[in-house]
């Protein structure tokens, strides 16, 4: 009985947290025009590093086979 109650509390917590995150996400998209240039600058700065890390991941996967 306690496990069912505990599981239902965890499930409710996850649902509430998910809904809160959705609301915060919608609020940030409502003001996207204010931070769009900074986001593009961030993406341009990170793109090279992400490509290097993806390449390293493929190399490690190749060696592990």
PDB file of N, CA and C in Angstrom:
ATOM      1  N   UNK A   1       0.815  -1.188   0.000  1.00  0.00           N
ATOM      2  CA  UNK A   1       0.000   0.000   0.000  1.00  0.00           C
ATOM      3  C   UNK A   1       0.865   1.259   0.000  1.00  0.00           C
ATOM      4  N   UNK A   2       1.937   1.235   0.812  1.00  0.00           N
ATOM      5  CA  UNK A   2       2.820   2.402   0.883  1.00  0.00           C
ATOM      6  C   UNK A   2       3.521   2.634  -0.449  1.00  0.00           C
ATOM      7  N   UNK A   3       3.892   1.548  -1.136  1.00  0.00           N
ATOM      8  CA  UNK A   3       4.590   1.702  -2.412  1.00  0.00           C
ATOM      9  C   UNK A   3       3.692   2.337  -3.460  1.00  0.00           C
ATOM     10  N   UNK A   4       2.410   1.980  -3.472  1.00  0.00           N
ATOM     11  CA  UNK A   4       1.485   2.589  -4.429  1.00  0.00           C
ATOM     12  C   UNK A   4       1.337   4.076  -4.164  1.00  0.00           C
ATOM     13  N   UNK A   5       1.253   4.440  -2.898  1.00  0.00           N
ATOM     14  CA  UNK A   5       1.141   5.857  -2.542  1.00  0.00           C
ATOM     15  C   UNK A   5       2.406   6.607  -2.931  1.00  0.00           C
ATOM     16  N   UNK A   6       3.546   5.989  -2.648  1.00  0.00           N
ATOM     17  CA  UNK A   6       4.826   6.620  -2.982  1.00  0.00           C
ATOM     18  C   UNK A   6       4.971   6.771  -4.493  1.00  0.00           C
ATOM     19  N   UNK A   7       4.592   5.737  -5.251  1.00  0.00           N
ATOM     20  CA  UNK A   7       4.682   5.807  -6.704  1.00  0.00           C
ATOM     21  C   UNK A   7       3.739   6.859  -7.281  1.00  0.00           C
ATOM     22  N   UNK A   8       2.539   6.971  -6.706  1.00  0.00           N
ATOM     23  CA  UNK A   8       1.603   7.973  -7.213  1.00  0.00           C
ATOM     24  C   UNK A   8       2.077   9.388  -6.884  1.00  0.00           C
ATOM     25  N   UNK A   9       2.724   9.577  -5.735  1.00  0.00           N
ATOM     26  CA  UNK A   9       3.275  10.892  -5.396  1.00  0.00           C
ATOM     27  C   UNK A   9       4.403  11.253  -6.362  1.00  0.00           C
ATOM     28  N   UNK A  10       5.262  10.277  -6.674  1.00  0.00           N
ATOM     29  CA  UNK A  10       6.349  10.527  -7.626  1.00  0.00           C
ATOM     30  C   UNK A  10       5.788  10.876  -8.998  1.00  0.00           C
ATOM     31  N   UNK A  11       4.747  10.158  -9.403  1.00  0.00           N
ATOM     32  CA  UNK A  11       4.142  10.417 -10.704  1.00  0.00           C
ATOM     33  C   UNK A  11       3.529  11.817 -10.750  1.00  0.00           C
ATOM     34  N   UNK A  12       2.815  12.203  -9.702  1.00  0.00           N
ATOM     35  CA  UNK A  12       2.231  13.547  -9.636  1.00  0.00           C
ATOM     36  C   UNK A  12       3.307  14.626  -9.637  1.00  0.00           C
ATOM     37  N   UNK A  13       4.390  14.390  -8.909  1.00  0.00           N
ATOM     38  CA  UNK A  13       5.494  15.349  -8.879  1.00  0.00           C
ATOM     39  C   UNK A  13       6.095  15.523 -10.270  1.00  0.00           C
ATOM     40  N   UNK A  14       6.288  14.430 -10.985  1.00  0.00           N
ATOM     41  CA  UNK A  14       6.846  14.502 -12.334  1.00  0.00           C
ATOM     42  C   UNK A  14       5.917  15.243 -13.279  1.00  0.00           C
ATOM     43  N   UNK A  15       4.618  15.009 -13.154  1.00  0.00           N
ATOM     44  CA  UNK A  15       3.651  15.693 -14.012  1.00  0.00           C
ATOM     45  C   UNK A  15       3.644  17.190 -13.715  1.00  0.00           C
ATOM     46  N   UNK A  16       3.636  17.557 -12.443  1.00  0.00           N
ATOM     47  CA  UNK A  16       3.637  18.977 -12.065  1.00  0.00           C
ATOM     48  C   UNK A  16       4.923  19.654 -12.526  1.00  0.00           C
ATOM     49  N   UNK A  17       6.052  18.984 -12.335  1.00  0.00           N
ATOM     50  CA  UNK A  17       7.327  19.551 -12.777  1.00  0.00           C
ATOM     51  C   UNK A  17       7.348  19.718 -14.296  1.00  0.00           C
ATOM     52  N   UNK A  18       6.830  18.739 -15.016  1.00  0.00           N
ATOM     53  CA  UNK A  18       6.756  18.840 -16.470  1.00  0.00           C
ATOM     54  C   UNK A  18       5.890  19.992 -16.922  1.00  0.00           C
ATOM     55  N   UNK A  19       4.739  20.168 -16.277  1.00  0.00           N
ATOM     56  CA  UNK A  19       3.863  21.283 -16.635  1.00  0.00           C
ATOM     57  C   UNK A  19       4.509  22.634 -16.334  1.00  0.00           C
ATOM     58  N   UNK A  20       5.208  22.725 -15.218  1.00  0.00           N
ATOM     59  CA  UNK A  20       5.912  23.975 -14.893  1.00  0.00           C
ATOM     60  C   UNK A  20       6.992  24.284 -15.930  1.00  0.00           C
ATOM     61  N   UNK A  21       7.722  23.259 -16.345  1.00  0.00           N
ATOM     62  CA  UNK A  21       8.755  23.474 -17.357  1.00  0.00           C
ATOM     63  C   UNK A  21       8.150  23.878 -18.690  1.00  0.00           C
ATOM     64  N   UNK A  22       7.003  23.318 -19.033  1.00  0.00           N
ATOM     65  CA  UNK A  22       6.324  23.720 -20.263  1.00  0.00           C
ATOM     66  C   UNK A  22       5.912  25.184 -20.188  1.00  0.00           C
ATOM     67  N   UNK A  23       5.386  25.605 -19.048  1.00  0.00           N
ATOM     68  CA  UNK A  23       4.976  27.004 -18.881  1.00  0.00           C
ATOM     69  C   UNK A  23       6.178  27.935 -18.990  1.00  0.00           C
ATOM     70  N   UNK A  24       7.288  27.579 -18.351  1.00  0.00           N
ATOM     71  CA  UNK A  24       8.492  28.408 -18.436  1.00  0.00           C
ATOM     72  C   UNK A  24       8.998  28.466 -19.872  1.00  0.00           C
ATOM     73  N   UNK A  25       8.964  27.338 -20.568  1.00  0.00           N
ATOM     74  CA  UNK A  25       9.385  27.316 -21.966  1.00  0.00           C
ATOM     75  C   UNK A  25       8.531  28.201 -22.846  1.00  0.00           C
ATOM     76  N   UNK A  26       7.232  28.171 -22.643  1.00  0.00           N
ATOM     77  CA  UNK A  26       6.331  29.026 -23.421  1.00  0.00           C
ATOM     78  C   UNK A  26       6.604  30.494 -23.118  1.00  0.00           C
ATOM     79  N   UNK A  27       6.873  30.811 -21.871  1.00  0.00           N
ATOM     80  CA  UNK A  27       7.177  32.198 -21.507  1.00  0.00           C
ATOM     81  C   UNK A  27       8.467  32.677 -22.164  1.00  0.00           C
ATOM     82  N   UNK A  28       9.453  31.811 -22.280  1.00  0.00           N
ATOM     83  CA  UNK A  28      10.692  32.233 -22.928  1.00  0.00           C
ATOM     84  C   UNK A  28      10.498  32.422 -24.428  1.00  0.00           C
ATOM     85  N   UNK A  29       9.633  31.609 -25.044  1.00  0.00           N
ATOM     86  CA  UNK A  29       9.367  31.807 -26.461  1.00  0.00           C
ATOM     87  C   UNK A  29       8.536  33.058 -26.713  1.00  0.00           C
ATOM     88  N   UNK A  30       7.797  33.498 -25.717  1.00  0.00           N
ATOM     89  CA  UNK A  30       7.007  34.716 -25.870  1.00  0.00           C
ATOM     90  C   UNK A  30       7.911  35.943 -25.975  1.00  0.00           C
ATOM     91  N   UNK A  31       9.136  35.835 -25.466  1.00  0.00           N
ATOM     92  CA  UNK A  31      10.076  36.967 -25.527  1.00  0.00           C
ATOM     93  C   UNK A  31      11.296  36.626 -26.377  1.00  0.00           C
ATOM     94  N   UNK A  32      11.135  35.766 -27.367  1.00  0.00           N
ATOM     95  CA  UNK A  32      12.281  35.294 -28.161  1.00  0.00           C
ATOM     96  C   UNK A  32      12.959  36.424 -28.920  1.00  0.00           C
ATOM     97  N   UNK A  33      12.229  37.438 -29.311  1.00  0.00           N
ATOM     98  CA  UNK A  33      12.818  38.519 -30.103  1.00  0.00           C
ATOM     99  C   UNK A  33      13.864  39.303 -29.324  1.00  0.00           C
ATOM    100  N   UNK A  34      13.822  39.240 -28.000  1.00  0.00           N
ATOM    101  CA  UNK A  34      14.790  39.984 -27.194  1.00  0.00           C
ATOM    102  C   UNK A  34      16.142  39.295 -27.129  1.00  0.00           C
ATOM    103  N   UNK A  35      16.172  37.940 -27.126  1.00  0.00           N
ATOM    104  CA  UNK A  35      17.427  37.231 -26.939  1.00  0.00           C
ATOM    105  C   UNK A  35      17.869  36.453 -28.164  1.00  0.00           C
ATOM    106  N   UNK A  36      17.209  36.613 -29.297  1.00  0.00           N
ATOM    107  CA  UNK A  36      17.561  35.856 -30.488  1.00  0.00           C
ATOM    108  C   UNK A  36      18.996  36.131 -30.961  1.00  0.00           C
ATOM    109  N   UNK A  37      19.471  37.373 -31.036  1.00  0.00           N
ATOM    110  CA  UNK A  37      20.856  37.596 -31.481  1.00  0.00           C
ATOM    111  C   UNK A  37      21.892  36.940 -30.566  1.00  0.00           C
ATOM    112  N   UNK A  38      21.657  36.963 -29.269  1.00  0.00           N
ATOM    113  CA  UNK A  38      22.598  36.329 -28.342  1.00  0.00           C
ATOM    114  C   UNK A  38      22.600  34.815 -28.512  1.00  0.00           C
ATOM    115  N   UNK A  39      21.436  34.235 -28.786  1.00  0.00           N
ATOM    116  CA  UNK A  39      21.358  32.794 -29.009  1.00  0.00           C
ATOM    117  C   UNK A  39      22.132  32.401 -30.255  1.00  0.00           C
ATOM    118  N   UNK A  40      22.011  33.178 -31.307  1.00  0.00           N
ATOM    119  CA  UNK A  40      22.759  32.880 -32.535  1.00  0.00           C
ATOM    120  C   UNK A  40      24.263  32.975 -32.298  1.00  0.00           C
ATOM    121  N   UNK A  41      24.701  33.947 -31.516  1.00  0.00           N
ATOM    122  CA  UNK A  41      26.112  34.076 -31.181  1.00  0.00           C
ATOM    123  C   UNK A  41      26.592  32.862 -30.394  1.00  0.00           C
ATOM    124  N   UNK A  42      25.786  32.412 -29.447  1.00  0.00           N
ATOM    125  CA  UNK A  42      26.129  31.236 -28.655  1.00  0.00           C
ATOM    126  C   UNK A  42      26.234  29.993 -29.530  1.00  0.00           C
ATOM    127  N   UNK A  43      25.284  29.811 -30.440  1.00  0.00           N
ATOM    128  CA  UNK A  43      25.308  28.642 -31.326  1.00  0.00           C
ATOM    129  C   UNK A  43      26.539  28.677 -32.210  1.00  0.00           C
ATOM    130  N   UNK A  44      26.876  29.836 -32.744  1.00  0.00           N
ATOM    131  CA  UNK A  44      28.065  29.952 -33.586  1.00  0.00           C
ATOM    132  C   UNK A  44      29.331  29.619 -32.799  1.00  0.00           C
ATOM    133  N   UNK A  45      29.382  30.003 -31.542  1.00  0.00           N
ATOM    134  CA  UNK A  45      30.557  29.741 -30.729  1.00  0.00           C
ATOM    135  C   UNK A  45      30.691  28.289 -30.315  1.00  0.00           C
ATOM    136  N   UNK A  46      29.597  27.592 -30.149  1.00  0.00           N
ATOM    137  CA  UNK A  46      29.621  26.216 -29.659  1.00  0.00           C
ATOM    138  C   UNK A  46      29.681  25.196 -30.796  1.00  0.00           C
ATOM    139  N   UNK A  47      29.320  25.586 -31.996  1.00  0.00           N
ATOM    140  CA  UNK A  47      29.176  24.646 -33.102  1.00  0.00           C
ATOM    141  C   UNK A  47      30.441  23.828 -33.353  1.00  0.00           C
ATOM    142  N   UNK A  48      31.592  24.470 -33.372  1.00  0.00           N
ATOM    143  CA  UNK A  48      32.841  23.750 -33.610  1.00  0.00           C
ATOM    144  C   UNK A  48      33.129  22.708 -32.544  1.00  0.00           C
ATOM    145  N   UNK A  49      32.935  23.075 -31.298  1.00  0.00           N
ATOM    146  CA  UNK A  49      33.168  22.143 -30.196  1.00  0.00           C
ATOM    147  C   UNK A  49      32.219  20.953 -30.262  1.00  0.00           C
ATOM    148  N   UNK A  50      30.972  21.197 -30.604  1.00  0.00           N
ATOM    149  CA  UNK A  50      30.000  20.104 -30.714  1.00  0.00           C
ATOM    150  C   UNK A  50      30.400  19.143 -31.828  1.00  0.00           C
ATOM    151  N   UNK A  51      30.855  19.663 -32.948  1.00  0.00           N
ATOM    152  CA  UNK A  51      31.286  18.808 -34.055  1.00  0.00           C
ATOM    153  C   UNK A  51      32.490  17.971 -33.650  1.00  0.00           C
ATOM    154  N   UNK A  52      33.439  18.570 -32.933  1.00  0.00           N
ATOM    155  CA  UNK A  52      34.604  17.812 -32.448  1.00  0.00           C
ATOM    156  C   UNK A  52      34.167  16.699 -31.501  1.00  0.00           C
ATOM    157  N   UNK A  53      33.263  16.993 -30.576  1.00  0.00           N
ATOM    158  CA  UNK A  53      32.806  15.979 -29.616  1.00  0.00           C
ATOM    159  C   UNK A  53      32.037  14.855 -30.307  1.00  0.00           C
ATOM    160  N   UNK A  54      31.245  15.174 -31.311  1.00  0.00           N
ATOM    161  CA  UNK A  54      30.541  14.134 -32.061  1.00  0.00           C
ATOM    162  C   UNK A  54      31.545  13.259 -32.803  1.00  0.00           C
ATOM    163  N   UNK A  55      32.563  13.875 -33.372  1.00  0.00           N
ATOM    164  CA  UNK A  55      33.613  13.103 -34.042  1.00  0.00           C
ATOM    165  C   UNK A  55      34.331  12.180 -33.078  1.00  0.00           C
ATOM    166  N   UNK A  56      34.663  12.672 -31.885  1.00  0.00           N
ATOM    167  CA  UNK A  56      35.303  11.823 -30.880  1.00  0.00           C
ATOM    168  C   UNK A  56      34.411  10.660 -30.462  1.00  0.00           C
ATOM    169  N   UNK A  57      33.129  10.928 -30.363  1.00  0.00           N
ATOM    170  CA  UNK A  57      32.193   9.873 -30.001  1.00  0.00           C
ATOM    171  C   UNK A  57      32.197   8.768 -31.062  1.00  0.00           C
ATOM    172  N   UNK A  58      32.203   9.137 -32.323  1.00  0.00           N
ATOM    173  CA  UNK A  58      32.237   8.142 -33.383  1.00  0.00           C
ATOM    174  C   UNK A  58      33.549   7.364 -33.397  1.00  0.00           C
ATOM    175  N   UNK A  59      34.658   8.041 -33.114  1.00  0.00           N
ATOM    176  CA  UNK A  59      35.955   7.352 -33.038  1.00  0.00           C
ATOM    177  C   UNK A  59      35.940   6.336 -31.920  1.00  0.00           C
ATOM    178  N   UNK A  60      35.439   6.719 -30.742  1.00  0.00           N
ATOM    179  CA  UNK A  60      35.377   5.782 -29.616  1.00  0.00           C
ATOM    180  C   UNK A  60      34.438   4.618 -29.916  1.00  0.00           C
ATOM    181  N   UNK A  61      33.333   4.878 -30.584  1.00  0.00           N
ATOM    182  CA  UNK A  61      32.420   3.797 -30.958  1.00  0.00           C
ATOM    183  C   UNK A  61      33.114   2.858 -31.938  1.00  0.00           C
ATOM    184  N   UNK A  62      33.897   3.417 -32.857  1.00  0.00           N
ATOM    185  CA  UNK A  62      34.626   2.581 -33.817  1.00  0.00           C
ATOM    186  C   UNK A  62      35.649   1.697 -33.153  1.00  0.00           C
ATOM    187  N   UNK A  63      36.337   2.218 -32.151  1.00  0.00           N
ATOM    188  CA  UNK A  63      37.343   1.406 -31.449  1.00  0.00           C
ATOM    189  C   UNK A  63      36.716   0.358 -30.544  1.00  0.00           C
ATOM    190  N   UNK A  64      35.521   0.605 -30.049  1.00  0.00           N
ATOM    191  CA  UNK A  64      34.913  -0.328 -29.129  1.00  0.00           C
ATOM    192  C   UNK A  64      34.317  -1.554 -29.828  1.00  0.00           C
ATOM    193  N   UNK A  65      34.104  -1.469 -31.145  1.00  0.00           N
ATOM    194  CA  UNK A  65      33.544  -2.630 -31.856  1.00  0.00           C
ATOM    195  C   UNK A  65      34.534  -3.730 -32.063  1.00  0.00           C
TER     196      UNK A  65
END
